[in-house]
Amino acid sequence: MKIRVDLDLCQGHAVCQAEAPAVFAVPKRGQVEILDSDPGPAVRAAVLEAVKYCPTQALSVSDGEV
C-alpha cells in the first residue's frame, strides 16, 4: 500500500492523524505530513479509515486499495 496526499486539497483538519498517528502528522496550521508512505499491514485498517474520513478527500492509497 502506497499513500499519497494532494496538498492542494489538504486543509489540515488532522482527521488522518487521529486515525493513524504512526503514519500521519499535522502540525498546527499546517498540512498533513506522511511519516510512512508505505506502511505495513499492522496499520492498514487505520490508514484506510484515515483515507475514508478525510474531509477534503486529500488522501489516497494505490495498489487497488479503497
PDB file of N, CA and C in Angstrom:
ATOM      1  N   MET A   1       0.847  -1.169   0.000  1.00  0.00           N
ATOM      2  CA  MET A   1       0.000   0.000   0.000  1.00  0.00           C
ATOM      3  C   MET A   1       0.899   1.241   0.000  1.00  0.00           C
ATOM      4  N   LYS A   2       0.665   2.116  -0.947  1.00  0.00           N
ATOM      5  CA  LYS A   2       1.373   3.393  -1.014  1.00  0.00           C
ATOM      6  C   LYS A   2       0.369   4.509  -0.750  1.00  0.00           C
ATOM      7  N   ILE A   3       0.741   5.423   0.129  1.00  0.00           N
ATOM      8  CA  ILE A   3      -0.142   6.537   0.478  1.00  0.00           C
ATOM      9  C   ILE A   3       0.282   7.767  -0.305  1.00  0.00           C
ATOM     10  N   ARG A   4      -0.725   8.488  -0.784  1.00  0.00           N
ATOM     11  CA  ARG A   4      -0.468   9.745  -1.482  1.00  0.00           C
ATOM     12  C   ARG A   4      -1.349  10.831  -0.884  1.00  0.00           C
ATOM     13  N   VAL A   5      -0.842  12.068  -0.951  1.00  0.00           N
ATOM     14  CA  VAL A   5      -1.617  13.210  -0.462  1.00  0.00           C
ATOM     15  C   VAL A   5      -1.634  14.295  -1.538  1.00  0.00           C
ATOM     16  N   ASP A   6      -2.770  14.913  -1.712  1.00  0.00           N
ATOM     17  CA  ASP A   6      -2.905  16.067  -2.600  1.00  0.00           C
ATOM     18  C   ASP A   6      -2.892  17.300  -1.702  1.00  0.00           C
ATOM     19  N   LEU A   7      -1.759  17.972  -1.643  1.00  0.00           N
ATOM     20  CA  LEU A   7      -1.614  19.117  -0.750  1.00  0.00           C
ATOM     21  C   LEU A   7      -2.460  20.307  -1.182  1.00  0.00           C
ATOM     22  N   ASP A   8      -2.924  20.318  -2.422  1.00  0.00           N
ATOM     23  CA  ASP A   8      -3.839  21.367  -2.860  1.00  0.00           C
ATOM     24  C   ASP A   8      -5.207  21.210  -2.190  1.00  0.00           C
ATOM     25  N   LEU A   9      -5.546  19.988  -1.802  1.00  0.00           N
ATOM     26  CA  LEU A   9      -6.825  19.723  -1.147  1.00  0.00           C
ATOM     27  C   LEU A   9      -6.739  19.739   0.376  1.00  0.00           C
ATOM     28  N   CYS A  10      -5.579  19.390   0.923  1.00  0.00           N
ATOM     29  CA  CYS A  10      -5.429  19.274   2.376  1.00  0.00           C
ATOM     30  C   CYS A  10      -5.633  20.632   3.056  1.00  0.00           C
ATOM     31  N   GLN A  11      -6.494  20.637   4.079  1.00  0.00           N
ATOM     32  CA  GLN A  11      -6.749  21.848   4.853  1.00  0.00           C
ATOM     33  C   GLN A  11      -6.313  21.711   6.312  1.00  0.00           C
ATOM     34  N   GLY A  12      -5.626  20.625   6.632  1.00  0.00           N
ATOM     35  CA  GLY A  12      -5.073  20.458   7.970  1.00  0.00           C
ATOM     36  C   GLY A  12      -6.076  20.125   9.054  1.00  0.00           C
ATOM     37  N   HIS A  13      -7.151  19.417   8.729  1.00  0.00           N
ATOM     38  CA  HIS A  13      -8.155  19.054   9.732  1.00  0.00           C
ATOM     39  C   HIS A  13      -7.640  18.025  10.739  1.00  0.00           C
ATOM     40  N   ALA A  14      -6.624  17.264  10.380  1.00  0.00           N
ATOM     41  CA  ALA A  14      -5.960  16.286  11.253  1.00  0.00           C
ATOM     42  C   ALA A  14      -6.793  15.051  11.577  1.00  0.00           C
ATOM     43  N   VAL A  15      -7.809  14.780  10.801  1.00  0.00           N
ATOM     44  CA  VAL A  15      -8.575  13.545  10.988  1.00  0.00           C
ATOM     45  C   VAL A  15      -7.659  12.348  10.754  1.00  0.00           C
ATOM     46  N   CYS A  16      -6.802  12.444   9.762  1.00  0.00           N
ATOM     47  CA  CYS A  16      -5.876  11.351   9.454  1.00  0.00           C
ATOM     48  C   CYS A  16      -4.947  11.063  10.630  1.00  0.00           C
ATOM     49  N   GLN A  17      -4.471  12.107  11.258  1.00  0.00           N
ATOM     50  CA  GLN A  17      -3.584  11.947  12.409  1.00  0.00           C
ATOM     51  C   GLN A  17      -4.319  11.272  13.559  1.00  0.00           C
ATOM     52  N   ALA A  18      -5.573  11.602  13.736  1.00  0.00           N
ATOM     53  CA  ALA A  18      -6.366  10.975  14.796  1.00  0.00           C
ATOM     54  C   ALA A  18      -6.578   9.483  14.514  1.00  0.00           C
ATOM     55  N   GLU A  19      -6.764   9.131  13.254  1.00  0.00           N
ATOM     56  CA  GLU A  19      -6.996   7.740  12.881  1.00  0.00           C
ATOM     57  C   GLU A  19      -5.720   6.899  12.880  1.00  0.00           C
ATOM     58  N   ALA A  20      -4.613   7.482  12.390  1.00  0.00           N
ATOM     59  CA  ALA A  20      -3.356   6.727  12.246  1.00  0.00           C
ATOM     60  C   ALA A  20      -2.158   7.607  12.599  1.00  0.00           C
ATOM     61  N   PRO A  21      -1.951   7.866  13.884  1.00  0.00           N
ATOM     62  CA  PRO A  21      -0.878   8.777  14.295  1.00  0.00           C
ATOM     63  C   PRO A  21       0.537   8.287  13.986  1.00  0.00           C
ATOM     64  N   ALA A  22       0.699   6.999  13.761  1.00  0.00           N
ATOM     65  CA  ALA A  22       2.025   6.485  13.407  1.00  0.00           C
ATOM     66  C   ALA A  22       2.365   6.764  11.946  1.00  0.00           C
ATOM     67  N   VAL A  23       1.353   7.127  11.164  1.00  0.00           N
ATOM     68  CA  VAL A  23       1.545   7.315   9.725  1.00  0.00           C
ATOM     69  C   VAL A  23       1.421   8.775   9.313  1.00  0.00           C
ATOM     70  N   PHE A  24       0.555   9.533  10.005  1.00  0.00           N
ATOM     71  CA  PHE A  24       0.286  10.919   9.625  1.00  0.00           C
ATOM     72  C   PHE A  24       0.566  11.876  10.771  1.00  0.00           C
ATOM     73  N   ALA A  25       1.059  13.061  10.412  1.00  0.00           N
ATOM     74  CA  ALA A  25       1.234  14.144  11.379  1.00  0.00           C
ATOM     75  C   ALA A  25       0.730  15.426  10.725  1.00  0.00           C
ATOM     76  N   VAL A  26       0.042  16.243  11.516  1.00  0.00           N
ATOM     77  CA  VAL A  26      -0.439  17.527  11.019  1.00  0.00           C
ATOM     78  C   VAL A  26      -0.020  18.591  12.027  1.00  0.00           C
ATOM     79  N   PRO A  27       0.991  19.401  11.659  1.00  0.00           N
ATOM     80  CA  PRO A  27       1.410  20.460  12.570  1.00  0.00           C
ATOM     81  C   PRO A  27       0.325  21.531  12.676  1.00  0.00           C
ATOM     82  N   LYS A  28       0.340  22.299  13.753  1.00  0.00           N
ATOM     83  CA  LYS A  28      -0.631  23.378  13.898  1.00  0.00           C
ATOM     84  C   LYS A  28      -0.536  24.296  12.689  1.00  0.00           C
ATOM     85  N   ARG A  29      -1.707  24.612  12.149  1.00  0.00           N
ATOM     86  CA  ARG A  29      -1.810  25.481  10.981  1.00  0.00           C
ATOM     87  C   ARG A  29      -0.987  24.983   9.801  1.00  0.00           C
ATOM     88  N   GLY A  30      -0.947  23.684   9.650  1.00  0.00           N
ATOM     89  CA  GLY A  30      -0.173  23.111   8.561  1.00  0.00           C
ATOM     90  C   GLY A  30      -0.966  22.084   7.792  1.00  0.00           C
ATOM     91  N   GLN A  31      -0.261  21.399   6.929  1.00  0.00           N
ATOM     92  CA  GLN A  31      -0.867  20.344   6.139  1.00  0.00           C
ATOM     93  C   GLN A  31      -0.271  19.015   6.561  1.00  0.00           C
ATOM     94  N   VAL A  32      -0.930  17.963   6.155  1.00  0.00           N
ATOM     95  CA  VAL A  32      -0.518  16.619   6.555  1.00  0.00           C
ATOM     96  C   VAL A  32       0.902  16.320   6.083  1.00  0.00           C
ATOM     97  N   GLU A  33       1.617  15.622   6.934  1.00  0.00           N
ATOM     98  CA  GLU A  33       2.928  15.070   6.592  1.00  0.00           C
ATOM     99  C   GLU A  33       2.800  13.562   6.718  1.00  0.00           C
ATOM    100  N   ILE A  34       3.223  12.860   5.694  1.00  0.00           N
ATOM    101  CA  ILE A  34       3.169  11.407   5.735  1.00  0.00           C
ATOM    102  C   ILE A  34       4.464  10.910   6.359  1.00  0.00           C
ATOM    103  N   LEU A  35       4.361  10.275   7.503  1.00  0.00           N
ATOM    104  CA  LEU A  35       5.528   9.779   8.224  1.00  0.00           C
ATOM    105  C   LEU A  35       6.031   8.470   7.647  1.00  0.00           C
ATOM    106  N   ASP A  36       5.129   7.696   7.056  1.00  0.00           N
ATOM    107  CA  ASP A  36       5.482   6.406   6.465  1.00  0.00           C
ATOM    108  C   ASP A  36       4.605   6.205   5.236  1.00  0.00           C
ATOM    109  N   SER A  37       5.159   6.436   4.044  1.00  0.00           N
ATOM    110  CA  SER A  37       4.361   6.374   2.816  1.00  0.00           C
ATOM    111  C   SER A  37       4.073   4.942   2.355  1.00  0.00           C
ATOM    112  N   ASP A  38       4.719   3.961   2.975  1.00  0.00           N
ATOM    113  CA  ASP A  38       4.492   2.557   2.624  1.00  0.00           C
ATOM    114  C   ASP A  38       4.386   1.732   3.907  1.00  0.00           C
ATOM    115  N   PRO A  39       3.304   1.971   4.692  1.00  0.00           N
ATOM    116  CA  PRO A  39       3.191   1.298   5.989  1.00  0.00           C
ATOM    117  C   PRO A  39       2.888  -0.187   5.863  1.00  0.00           C
ATOM    118  N   GLY A  40       3.190  -0.902   6.898  1.00  0.00           N
ATOM    119  CA  GLY A  40       2.958  -2.345   6.929  1.00  0.00           C
ATOM    120  C   GLY A  40       1.518  -2.695   7.239  1.00  0.00           C
ATOM    121  N   PRO A  41       1.232  -3.976   7.235  1.00  0.00           N
ATOM    122  CA  PRO A  41      -0.140  -4.447   7.436  1.00  0.00           C
ATOM    123  C   PRO A  41      -0.709  -4.151   8.825  1.00  0.00           C
ATOM    124  N   ALA A  42       0.133  -3.898   9.791  1.00  0.00           N
ATOM    125  CA  ALA A  42      -0.346  -3.641  11.154  1.00  0.00           C
ATOM    126  C   ALA A  42      -1.194  -2.374  11.249  1.00  0.00           C
ATOM    127  N   VAL A  43      -0.951  -1.403  10.376  1.00  0.00           N
ATOM    128  CA  VAL A  43      -1.701  -0.144  10.422  1.00  0.00           C
ATOM    129  C   VAL A  43      -2.622   0.044   9.224  1.00  0.00           C
ATOM    130  N   ARG A  44      -2.762  -0.987   8.435  1.00  0.00           N
ATOM    131  CA  ARG A  44      -3.565  -0.910   7.211  1.00  0.00           C
ATOM    132  C   ARG A  44      -4.990  -0.417   7.486  1.00  0.00           C
ATOM    133  N   ALA A  45      -5.664  -0.999   8.444  1.00  0.00           N
ATOM    134  CA  ALA A  45      -7.047  -0.615   8.736  1.00  0.00           C
ATOM    135  C   ALA A  45      -7.141   0.853   9.149  1.00  0.00           C
ATOM    136  N   ALA A  46      -6.206   1.305   9.964  1.00  0.00           N
ATOM    137  CA  ALA A  46      -6.210   2.695  10.414  1.00  0.00           C
ATOM    138  C   ALA A  46      -5.973   3.651   9.246  1.00  0.00           C
ATOM    139  N   VAL A  47      -5.074   3.288   8.338  1.00  0.00           N
ATOM    140  CA  VAL A  47      -4.805   4.126   7.164  1.00  0.00           C
ATOM    141  C   VAL A  47      -6.048   4.211   6.281  1.00  0.00           C
ATOM    142  N   LEU A  48      -6.705   3.106   6.066  1.00  0.00           N
ATOM    143  CA  LEU A  48      -7.911   3.109   5.242  1.00  0.00           C
ATOM    144  C   LEU A  48      -9.019   3.950   5.878  1.00  0.00           C
ATOM    145  N   GLU A  49      -9.112   3.928   7.197  1.00  0.00           N
ATOM    146  CA  GLU A  49     -10.077   4.793   7.888  1.00  0.00           C
ATOM    147  C   GLU A  49      -9.704   6.260   7.708  1.00  0.00           C
ATOM    148  N   ALA A  50      -8.420   6.577   7.792  1.00  0.00           N
ATOM    149  CA  ALA A  50      -7.964   7.955   7.604  1.00  0.00           C
ATOM    150  C   ALA A  50      -8.317   8.456   6.208  1.00  0.00           C
ATOM    151  N   VAL A  51      -8.097   7.616   5.201  1.00  0.00           N
ATOM    152  CA  VAL A  51      -8.435   7.983   3.827  1.00  0.00           C
ATOM    153  C   VAL A  51      -9.947   8.179   3.698  1.00  0.00           C
ATOM    154  N   LYS A  52     -10.692   7.276   4.258  1.00  0.00           N
ATOM    155  CA  LYS A  52     -12.155   7.319   4.166  1.00  0.00           C
ATOM    156  C   LYS A  52     -12.744   8.575   4.799  1.00  0.00           C
ATOM    157  N   TYR A  53     -12.216   8.963   5.954  1.00  0.00           N
ATOM    158  CA  TYR A  53     -12.795  10.072   6.710  1.00  0.00           C
ATOM    159  C   TYR A  53     -12.141  11.422   6.468  1.00  0.00           C
ATOM    160  N   CYS A  54     -11.178  11.512   5.569  1.00  0.00           N
ATOM    161  CA  CYS A  54     -10.562  12.809   5.255  1.00  0.00           C
ATOM    162  C   CYS A  54     -11.649  13.743   4.715  1.00  0.00           C
ATOM    163  N   PRO A  55     -11.880  14.884   5.374  1.00  0.00           N
ATOM    164  CA  PRO A  55     -12.977  15.770   4.962  1.00  0.00           C
ATOM    165  C   PRO A  55     -12.826  16.337   3.553  1.00  0.00           C
ATOM    166  N   THR A  56     -11.616  16.456   3.074  1.00  0.00           N
ATOM    167  CA  THR A  56     -11.387  17.050   1.752  1.00  0.00           C
ATOM    168  C   THR A  56     -10.968  16.025   0.705  1.00  0.00           C
ATOM    169  N   GLN A  57     -10.933  14.749   1.089  1.00  0.00           N
ATOM    170  CA  GLN A  57     -10.526  13.668   0.175  1.00  0.00           C
ATOM    171  C   GLN A  57      -9.113  13.904  -0.375  1.00  0.00           C
ATOM    172  N   ALA A  58      -8.229  14.409   0.464  1.00  0.00           N
ATOM    173  CA  ALA A  58      -6.854  14.712   0.049  1.00  0.00           C
ATOM    174  C   ALA A  58      -5.950  13.482   0.054  1.00  0.00           C
ATOM    175  N   LEU A  59      -6.388  12.415   0.699  1.00  0.00           N
ATOM    176  CA  LEU A  59      -5.566  11.209   0.809  1.00  0.00           C
ATOM    177  C   LEU A  59      -6.062  10.111  -0.119  1.00  0.00           C
ATOM    178  N   SER A  60      -5.120   9.315  -0.595  1.00  0.00           N
ATOM    179  CA  SER A  60      -5.468   8.140  -1.394  1.00  0.00           C
ATOM    180  C   SER A  60      -4.399   7.081  -1.186  1.00  0.00           C
ATOM    181  N   VAL A  61      -4.757   5.863  -1.522  1.00  0.00           N
ATOM    182  CA  VAL A  61      -3.804   4.763  -1.486  1.00  0.00           C
ATOM    183  C   VAL A  61      -3.813   4.082  -2.843  1.00  0.00           C
ATOM    184  N   SER A  62      -2.677   3.525  -3.224  1.00  0.00           N
ATOM    185  CA  SER A  62      -2.584   2.837  -4.513  1.00  0.00           C
ATOM    186  C   SER A  62      -2.580   1.322  -4.290  1.00  0.00           C
ATOM    187  N   ASP A  63      -2.411   0.575  -5.342  1.00  0.00           N
ATOM    188  CA  ASP A  63      -2.417  -0.882  -5.348  1.00  0.00           C
ATOM    189  C   ASP A  63      -3.828  -1.439  -5.195  1.00  0.00           C
ATOM    190  N   GLY A  64      -4.823  -0.712  -5.682  1.00  0.00           N
ATOM    191  CA  GLY A  64      -6.184  -1.206  -5.658  1.00  0.00           C
ATOM    192  C   GLY A  64      -6.868  -1.113  -4.317  1.00  0.00           C
ATOM    193  N   GLU A  65      -6.268  -0.463  -3.343  1.00  0.00           N
ATOM    194  CA  GLU A  65      -6.879  -0.316  -2.023  1.00  0.00           C
ATOM    195  C   GLU A  65      -7.828   0.881  -2.063  1.00  0.00           C
ATOM    196  N   VAL A  66      -8.969   0.744  -1.403  1.00  0.00           N
ATOM    197  CA  VAL A  66     -10.012   1.778  -1.268  1.00  0.00           C
ATOM    198  C   VAL A  66     -10.664   2.113  -2.562  1.00  0.00           C
TER     199      VAL A  66
END
